Amino acid sequence: MLEGRAYNVMIGHVKSEVLSTITISENRFQQRIVIEGATGNKATFQWSLSRQEEGPFESCWMTDAVRRDE
């Protein structure tokens, strides 16, 4: 996935900045993040995360989705 054109800016990036955070619930949130690649190109992504409620990863935050904003 990271080697595809839409996401390869993440590999070796030099800078990232959180643009906004939306709390959906106690265990879910989304963030918009801008990433600057090694060659100066920039891309904005929306990350969706959730805190696991049971199992071996209980209380750990996991990435549910990453989508590039156009």
C-alpha atoms as a PDB file:
ATOM      1  CA  MET A   1       0.000   0.000   0.000  1.00  0.00           C
ATOM      2  CA  LEU A   2       2.710   2.515   0.951  1.00  0.00           C
ATOM      3  CA  GLU A   3       4.531   2.042  -2.337  1.00  0.00           C
ATOM      4  CA  GLY A   4       1.491   3.175  -4.344  1.00  0.00           C
ATOM      5  CA  ARG A   5       1.404   6.736  -5.693  1.00  0.00           C
ATOM      6  CA  ALA A   6      -1.274   7.900  -3.266  1.00  0.00           C
ATOM      7  CA  TYR A   7       0.656   6.907  -0.133  1.00  0.00           C
ATOM      8  CA  ASN A   8       4.376   6.811  -1.026  1.00  0.00           C
ATOM      9  CA  VAL A   9       4.913  10.334   0.375  1.00  0.00           C
ATOM     10  CA  MET A  10       4.821   8.673   3.818  1.00  0.00           C
ATOM     11  CA  ILE A  11       8.012   6.705   3.174  1.00  0.00           C
ATOM     12  CA  GLY A  12      10.986   8.727   4.379  1.00  0.00           C
ATOM     13  CA  HIS A  13       8.869  11.820   5.038  1.00  0.00           C
ATOM     14  CA  VAL A  14      10.604  14.767   6.698  1.00  0.00           C
ATOM     15  CA  LYS A  15       7.694  16.449   8.456  1.00  0.00           C
ATOM     16  CA  SER A  16       4.122  15.845   9.595  1.00  0.00           C
ATOM     17  CA  GLU A  17       1.571  18.143  11.193  1.00  0.00           C
ATOM     18  CA  VAL A  18      -1.848  17.469  12.733  1.00  0.00           C
ATOM     19  CA  LEU A  19      -4.360  19.827  11.112  1.00  0.00           C
ATOM     20  CA  SER A  20      -7.436  18.769  13.085  1.00  0.00           C
ATOM     21  CA  THR A  21      -8.741  16.143  15.473  1.00  0.00           C
ATOM     22  CA  ILE A  22     -12.349  14.978  15.746  1.00  0.00           C
ATOM     23  CA  THR A  23     -13.342  12.894  18.763  1.00  0.00           C
ATOM     24  CA  ILE A  24     -16.126  10.552  17.696  1.00  0.00           C
ATOM     25  CA  SER A  25     -16.400   8.725  21.018  1.00  0.00           C
ATOM     26  CA  GLU A  26     -14.237   7.804  23.998  1.00  0.00           C
ATOM     27  CA  ASN A  27     -12.673   5.024  21.922  1.00  0.00           C
ATOM     28  CA  ARG A  28     -12.690   6.517  18.394  1.00  0.00           C
ATOM     29  CA  PHE A  29     -11.245   9.599  16.741  1.00  0.00           C
ATOM     30  CA  GLN A  30     -10.095  10.949  13.400  1.00  0.00           C
ATOM     31  CA  GLN A  31      -7.208  13.227  12.502  1.00  0.00           C
ATOM     32  CA  ARG A  32      -6.299  15.161   9.370  1.00  0.00           C
ATOM     33  CA  ILE A  33      -2.540  15.204   8.930  1.00  0.00           C
ATOM     34  CA  VAL A  34      -0.353  16.877   6.314  1.00  0.00           C
ATOM     35  CA  ILE A  35       2.867  15.063   5.452  1.00  0.00           C
ATOM     36  CA  GLU A  36       5.859  16.575   3.672  1.00  0.00           C
ATOM     37  CA  GLY A  37       7.849  14.073   1.658  1.00  0.00           C
ATOM     38  CA  ALA A  38      11.615  13.932   1.263  1.00  0.00           C
ATOM     39  CA  THR A  39      11.374  15.790  -2.069  1.00  0.00           C
ATOM     40  CA  GLY A  40       9.177  18.581  -0.645  1.00  0.00           C
ATOM     41  CA  ASN A  41       5.881  17.255  -1.967  1.00  0.00           C
ATOM     42  CA  LYS A  42       2.946  17.466   0.464  1.00  0.00           C
ATOM     43  CA  ALA A  43      -0.169  15.356   0.935  1.00  0.00           C
ATOM     44  CA  THR A  44      -3.039  15.427   3.415  1.00  0.00           C
ATOM     45  CA  PHE A  45      -4.482  12.262   4.934  1.00  0.00           C
ATOM     46  CA  GLN A  46      -7.407  11.415   7.174  1.00  0.00           C
ATOM     47  CA  TRP A  47      -6.600   8.784   9.807  1.00  0.00           C
ATOM     48  CA  SER A  48      -9.323   6.879  11.688  1.00  0.00           C
ATOM     49  CA  LEU A  49      -8.303   5.189  14.945  1.00  0.00           C
ATOM     50  CA  SER A  50     -10.037   3.158  17.632  1.00  0.00           C
ATOM     51  CA  ARG A  51      -9.025   1.892  21.053  1.00  0.00           C
ATOM     52  CA  GLN A  52      -9.452  -1.866  21.312  1.00  0.00           C
ATOM     53  CA  GLU A  53     -11.898  -2.911  24.025  1.00  0.00           C
ATOM     54  CA  GLU A  54     -10.946  -6.574  24.405  1.00  0.00           C
ATOM     55  CA  GLY A  55      -8.497  -9.251  23.344  1.00  0.00           C
ATOM     56  CA  PRO A  56      -4.701  -9.203  23.276  1.00  0.00           C
ATOM     57  CA  PHE A  57      -4.614  -5.535  22.228  1.00  0.00           C
ATOM     58  CA  GLU A  58      -7.091  -4.272  24.827  1.00  0.00           C
ATOM     59  CA  SER A  59      -6.612  -0.517  25.495  1.00  0.00           C
ATOM     60  CA  CYS A  60      -4.270  -0.137  22.482  1.00  0.00           C
ATOM     61  CA  TRP A  61      -5.031   2.384  19.738  1.00  0.00           C
ATOM     62  CA  MET A  62      -5.216   0.824  16.265  1.00  0.00           C
ATOM     63  CA  THR A  63      -5.451   2.396  12.822  1.00  0.00           C
ATOM     64  CA  ASP A  64      -8.763   1.486  11.168  1.00  0.00           C
ATOM     65  CA  ALA A  65      -8.339   3.471   7.954  1.00  0.00           C
ATOM     66  CA  VAL A  66      -6.079   5.955   6.177  1.00  0.00           C
ATOM     67  CA  ARG A  67      -7.487   7.949   3.282  1.00  0.00           C
ATOM     68  CA  ARG A  68      -5.690  10.547   1.193  1.00  0.00           C
ATOM     69  CA  ASP A  69      -7.581  13.831   0.846  1.00  0.00           C
ATOM     70  CA  GLU A  70      -7.578  15.256  -2.648  1.00  0.00           C
END
